[in-house]
């Protein structure tokens, strides 16, 4: 995993899986289908991304596929910050 993916994984573990087994939390692990993140969780992730990566909240489309996995979130951040430059 890249450092971006590592940071996002760390956030997910801390905020949503504190104290739970995280061995299955790979980059492609489906956070939504597996009940790790619900709709409120997506909002929390969006808020974290906005603060941490200086992404305007208005520029973050709330499309579940963007937040389905650590890899998807990482790709979204990379694409959004790349186009913002």
N, C-alpha and C. Protein backbone atom coordinates (compact mmCIF):
# COMPACT_ATOMS: atom_id res chain seq x y z
N UNK A 1 0.84 -1.19 0.00
CA UNK A 1 0.00 0.00 0.00
C UNK A 1 0.88 1.24 0.00
N UNK A 2 0.38 2.28 -0.63
CA UNK A 2 1.10 3.55 -0.64
C UNK A 2 0.91 4.25 0.70
N UNK A 3 1.66 5.29 0.93
CA UNK A 3 1.51 6.02 2.19
C UNK A 3 0.12 6.64 2.30
N UNK A 4 -0.46 7.05 1.15
CA UNK A 4 -1.83 7.56 1.16
C UNK A 4 -2.79 6.47 1.61
N UNK A 5 -2.67 5.29 1.02
CA UNK A 5 -3.54 4.17 1.40
C UNK A 5 -3.30 3.78 2.85
N UNK A 6 -2.05 3.84 3.30
CA UNK A 6 -1.74 3.52 4.69
C UNK A 6 -2.42 4.50 5.65
N UNK A 7 -2.40 5.79 5.29
CA UNK A 7 -3.05 6.79 6.14
C UNK A 7 -4.55 6.56 6.19
N UNK A 8 -5.15 6.28 5.04
CA UNK A 8 -6.59 6.05 4.99
C UNK A 8 -6.94 4.77 5.76
N UNK A 9 -6.14 3.74 5.60
CA UNK A 9 -6.37 2.49 6.35
C UNK A 9 -6.29 2.78 7.85
N UNK A 10 -5.28 3.54 8.26
CA UNK A 10 -5.14 3.89 9.67
C UNK A 10 -6.36 4.64 10.20
N UNK A 11 -6.88 5.56 9.39
CA UNK A 11 -8.08 6.29 9.79
C UNK A 11 -9.26 5.34 9.95
N UNK A 12 -9.47 4.46 8.98
CA UNK A 12 -10.59 3.51 9.04
C UNK A 12 -10.46 2.61 10.27
N UNK A 13 -9.26 2.11 10.52
CA UNK A 13 -9.04 1.24 11.68
C UNK A 13 -9.35 1.99 12.97
N UNK A 14 -8.82 3.18 13.10
CA UNK A 14 -9.01 3.97 14.32
C UNK A 14 -10.46 4.36 14.54
N UNK A 15 -11.12 4.84 13.50
CA UNK A 15 -12.47 5.39 13.63
C UNK A 15 -13.58 4.34 13.58
N UNK A 16 -13.36 3.24 12.88
CA UNK A 16 -14.45 2.29 12.66
C UNK A 16 -14.17 0.89 13.19
N UNK A 17 -12.92 0.54 13.44
CA UNK A 17 -12.58 -0.83 13.84
C UNK A 17 -11.73 -0.87 15.10
N UNK A 18 -11.80 0.13 15.91
CA UNK A 18 -10.97 0.21 17.10
C UNK A 18 -11.10 -1.06 17.95
N UNK A 19 -10.01 -1.78 18.08
CA UNK A 19 -9.99 -2.98 18.90
C UNK A 19 -10.42 -4.24 18.18
N UNK A 20 -10.86 -4.16 16.94
CA UNK A 20 -11.29 -5.33 16.19
C UNK A 20 -10.15 -5.87 15.34
N UNK A 21 -10.26 -7.10 14.93
CA UNK A 21 -9.27 -7.73 14.05
C UNK A 21 -9.26 -7.02 12.70
N UNK A 22 -8.09 -6.67 12.21
CA UNK A 22 -8.00 -5.92 10.96
C UNK A 22 -7.20 -6.64 9.88
N UNK A 23 -6.89 -7.91 10.07
CA UNK A 23 -6.08 -8.65 9.11
C UNK A 23 -6.75 -8.72 7.73
N UNK A 24 -8.09 -8.76 7.69
CA UNK A 24 -8.81 -8.85 6.42
C UNK A 24 -8.93 -7.50 5.72
N UNK A 25 -8.50 -6.44 6.35
CA UNK A 25 -8.68 -5.10 5.79
C UNK A 25 -7.61 -4.80 4.75
N UNK A 26 -7.77 -5.43 3.59
CA UNK A 26 -6.86 -5.20 2.47
C UNK A 26 -7.35 -3.99 1.70
N UNK A 27 -6.60 -3.60 0.70
CA UNK A 27 -6.96 -2.45 -0.11
C UNK A 27 -8.29 -2.59 -0.81
N UNK A 28 -8.65 -3.81 -1.19
CA UNK A 28 -9.89 -4.02 -1.92
C UNK A 28 -11.05 -4.52 -1.05
N UNK A 29 -10.84 -4.65 0.24
CA UNK A 29 -11.90 -5.08 1.17
C UNK A 29 -13.07 -4.11 1.08
N UNK A 30 -14.27 -4.63 0.85
CA UNK A 30 -15.46 -3.78 0.66
C UNK A 30 -15.97 -3.30 2.02
N UNK A 31 -15.70 -2.03 2.30
CA UNK A 31 -16.06 -1.44 3.60
C UNK A 31 -17.57 -1.32 3.78
N UNK A 32 -18.29 -1.06 2.71
CA UNK A 32 -19.74 -0.85 2.79
C UNK A 32 -20.47 -2.17 2.90
N UNK A 33 -20.20 -3.09 1.97
CA UNK A 33 -20.90 -4.38 1.99
C UNK A 33 -20.61 -5.19 3.25
N UNK A 34 -19.44 -5.00 3.84
CA UNK A 34 -19.07 -5.74 5.04
C UNK A 34 -19.47 -5.02 6.33
N UNK A 35 -20.18 -3.90 6.21
CA UNK A 35 -20.73 -3.23 7.37
C UNK A 35 -19.74 -2.42 8.18
N UNK A 36 -18.56 -2.19 7.66
CA UNK A 36 -17.58 -1.37 8.38
C UNK A 36 -17.99 0.09 8.33
N UNK A 37 -18.45 0.54 7.16
CA UNK A 37 -18.83 1.94 6.96
C UNK A 37 -20.28 1.98 6.47
N UNK A 38 -21.09 2.81 7.11
CA UNK A 38 -22.46 3.04 6.66
C UNK A 38 -22.55 4.46 6.10
N UNK A 39 -23.74 4.95 5.85
CA UNK A 39 -23.87 6.27 5.23
C UNK A 39 -23.27 7.37 6.11
N UNK A 40 -23.45 7.28 7.41
CA UNK A 40 -22.83 8.26 8.31
C UNK A 40 -21.31 8.12 8.27
N UNK A 41 -20.83 6.90 8.14
CA UNK A 41 -19.40 6.66 8.04
C UNK A 41 -18.81 7.30 6.80
N UNK A 42 -19.55 7.25 5.69
CA UNK A 42 -19.09 7.90 4.46
C UNK A 42 -18.95 9.40 4.69
N UNK A 43 -19.91 9.98 5.38
CA UNK A 43 -19.85 11.42 5.69
C UNK A 43 -18.62 11.72 6.56
N UNK A 44 -18.34 10.86 7.51
CA UNK A 44 -17.16 11.05 8.36
C UNK A 44 -15.87 10.95 7.54
N UNK A 45 -15.83 10.00 6.60
CA UNK A 45 -14.66 9.86 5.73
C UNK A 45 -14.50 11.10 4.86
N UNK A 46 -15.61 11.58 4.30
CA UNK A 46 -15.57 12.80 3.47
C UNK A 46 -15.01 13.97 4.28
N UNK A 47 -15.48 14.12 5.50
CA UNK A 47 -14.99 15.20 6.36
C UNK A 47 -13.49 15.05 6.61
N UNK A 48 -13.05 13.84 6.86
CA UNK A 48 -11.62 13.58 7.09
C UNK A 48 -10.81 13.92 5.84
N UNK A 49 -11.28 13.50 4.68
CA UNK A 49 -10.56 13.78 3.43
C UNK A 49 -10.48 15.27 3.16
N UNK A 50 -11.57 15.98 3.44
CA UNK A 50 -11.59 17.43 3.22
C UNK A 50 -10.56 18.11 4.12
N UNK A 51 -10.51 17.72 5.38
CA UNK A 51 -9.55 18.32 6.32
C UNK A 51 -8.12 17.94 6.01
N UNK A 52 -7.89 16.67 5.78
CA UNK A 52 -6.53 16.15 5.65
C UNK A 52 -5.88 16.49 4.32
N UNK A 53 -6.67 16.48 3.26
CA UNK A 53 -6.10 16.65 1.92
C UNK A 53 -6.55 17.94 1.24
N UNK A 54 -7.13 18.85 2.01
CA UNK A 54 -7.56 20.16 1.50
C UNK A 54 -8.43 20.05 0.25
N UNK A 55 -9.39 19.14 0.32
CA UNK A 55 -10.34 18.97 -0.77
C UNK A 55 -11.62 19.69 -0.36
N UNK A 56 -12.14 20.53 -1.23
CA UNK A 56 -13.38 21.22 -0.95
C UNK A 56 -14.52 20.19 -0.86
N UNK A 57 -15.31 20.27 0.19
CA UNK A 57 -16.41 19.32 0.36
C UNK A 57 -17.36 19.37 -0.83
N UNK A 58 -17.57 20.55 -1.39
CA UNK A 58 -18.45 20.66 -2.56
C UNK A 58 -17.91 19.90 -3.76
N UNK A 59 -16.60 19.60 -3.77
CA UNK A 59 -15.98 18.88 -4.88
C UNK A 59 -15.97 17.37 -4.66
N UNK A 60 -16.55 16.91 -3.57
CA UNK A 60 -16.55 15.49 -3.25
C UNK A 60 -17.93 14.89 -3.54
N UNK A 61 -18.04 14.17 -4.65
CA UNK A 61 -19.34 13.54 -4.96
C UNK A 61 -19.58 12.36 -4.01
N UNK A 62 -20.76 12.30 -3.44
CA UNK A 62 -21.07 11.23 -2.50
C UNK A 62 -21.55 9.99 -3.25
N UNK A 63 -20.66 9.45 -4.04
CA UNK A 63 -20.93 8.23 -4.79
C UNK A 63 -20.34 7.07 -3.99
N UNK A 64 -21.16 6.11 -3.56
CA UNK A 64 -20.66 5.02 -2.71
C UNK A 64 -19.43 4.31 -3.26
N UNK A 65 -19.34 4.15 -4.57
CA UNK A 65 -18.18 3.44 -5.14
C UNK A 65 -16.86 4.14 -4.85
N UNK A 66 -16.89 5.47 -4.63
CA UNK A 66 -15.66 6.20 -4.28
C UNK A 66 -15.18 5.86 -2.87
N UNK A 67 -16.04 5.28 -2.05
CA UNK A 67 -15.72 5.04 -0.65
C UNK A 67 -15.87 3.57 -0.27
N UNK A 68 -15.96 2.71 -1.25
CA UNK A 68 -16.23 1.28 -1.03
C UNK A 68 -15.03 0.54 -0.45
N UNK A 69 -13.83 0.99 -0.77
CA UNK A 69 -12.62 0.32 -0.29
C UNK A 69 -11.51 1.34 -0.08
N UNK A 70 -10.46 0.90 0.58
CA UNK A 70 -9.32 1.78 0.79
C UNK A 70 -8.70 2.15 -0.55
N UNK A 71 -8.61 1.18 -1.46
CA UNK A 71 -8.08 1.48 -2.79
C UNK A 71 -8.93 2.52 -3.52
N UNK A 72 -10.26 2.39 -3.42
CA UNK A 72 -11.15 3.34 -4.08
C UNK A 72 -11.02 4.74 -3.48
N UNK A 73 -10.92 4.82 -2.17
CA UNK A 73 -10.77 6.12 -1.51
C UNK A 73 -9.44 6.74 -1.91
N UNK A 74 -8.38 5.94 -1.92
CA UNK A 74 -7.06 6.43 -2.31
C UNK A 74 -7.07 6.95 -3.74
N UNK A 75 -7.67 6.20 -4.65
CA UNK A 75 -7.75 6.62 -6.05
C UNK A 75 -8.54 7.92 -6.18
N UNK A 76 -9.63 8.02 -5.43
CA UNK A 76 -10.43 9.24 -5.45
C UNK A 76 -9.59 10.44 -4.99
N UNK A 77 -8.88 10.30 -3.89
CA UNK A 77 -8.05 11.40 -3.37
C UNK A 77 -6.97 11.76 -4.39
N UNK A 78 -6.29 10.76 -4.93
CA UNK A 78 -5.24 11.03 -5.91
C UNK A 78 -5.79 11.77 -7.13
N UNK A 79 -6.92 11.31 -7.65
CA UNK A 79 -7.52 11.96 -8.83
C UNK A 79 -7.99 13.37 -8.52
N UNK A 80 -8.59 13.56 -7.35
CA UNK A 80 -9.11 14.88 -6.98
C UNK A 80 -8.00 15.87 -6.73
N UNK A 81 -6.96 15.45 -6.04
CA UNK A 81 -5.87 16.38 -5.75
C UNK A 81 -5.03 16.64 -6.99
N UNK A 82 -4.95 15.68 -7.89
CA UNK A 82 -4.19 15.86 -9.14
C UNK A 82 -4.88 16.88 -10.03
N UNK A 83 -6.21 16.82 -10.12
CA UNK A 83 -6.94 17.75 -10.99
C UNK A 83 -7.07 19.13 -10.37
N UNK A 84 -6.90 19.23 -9.05
CA UNK A 84 -7.02 20.52 -8.38
C UNK A 84 -5.77 21.37 -8.54
N UNK A 85 -4.68 20.75 -8.91
CA UNK A 85 -3.40 21.48 -9.02
C UNK A 85 -3.34 22.31 -10.26
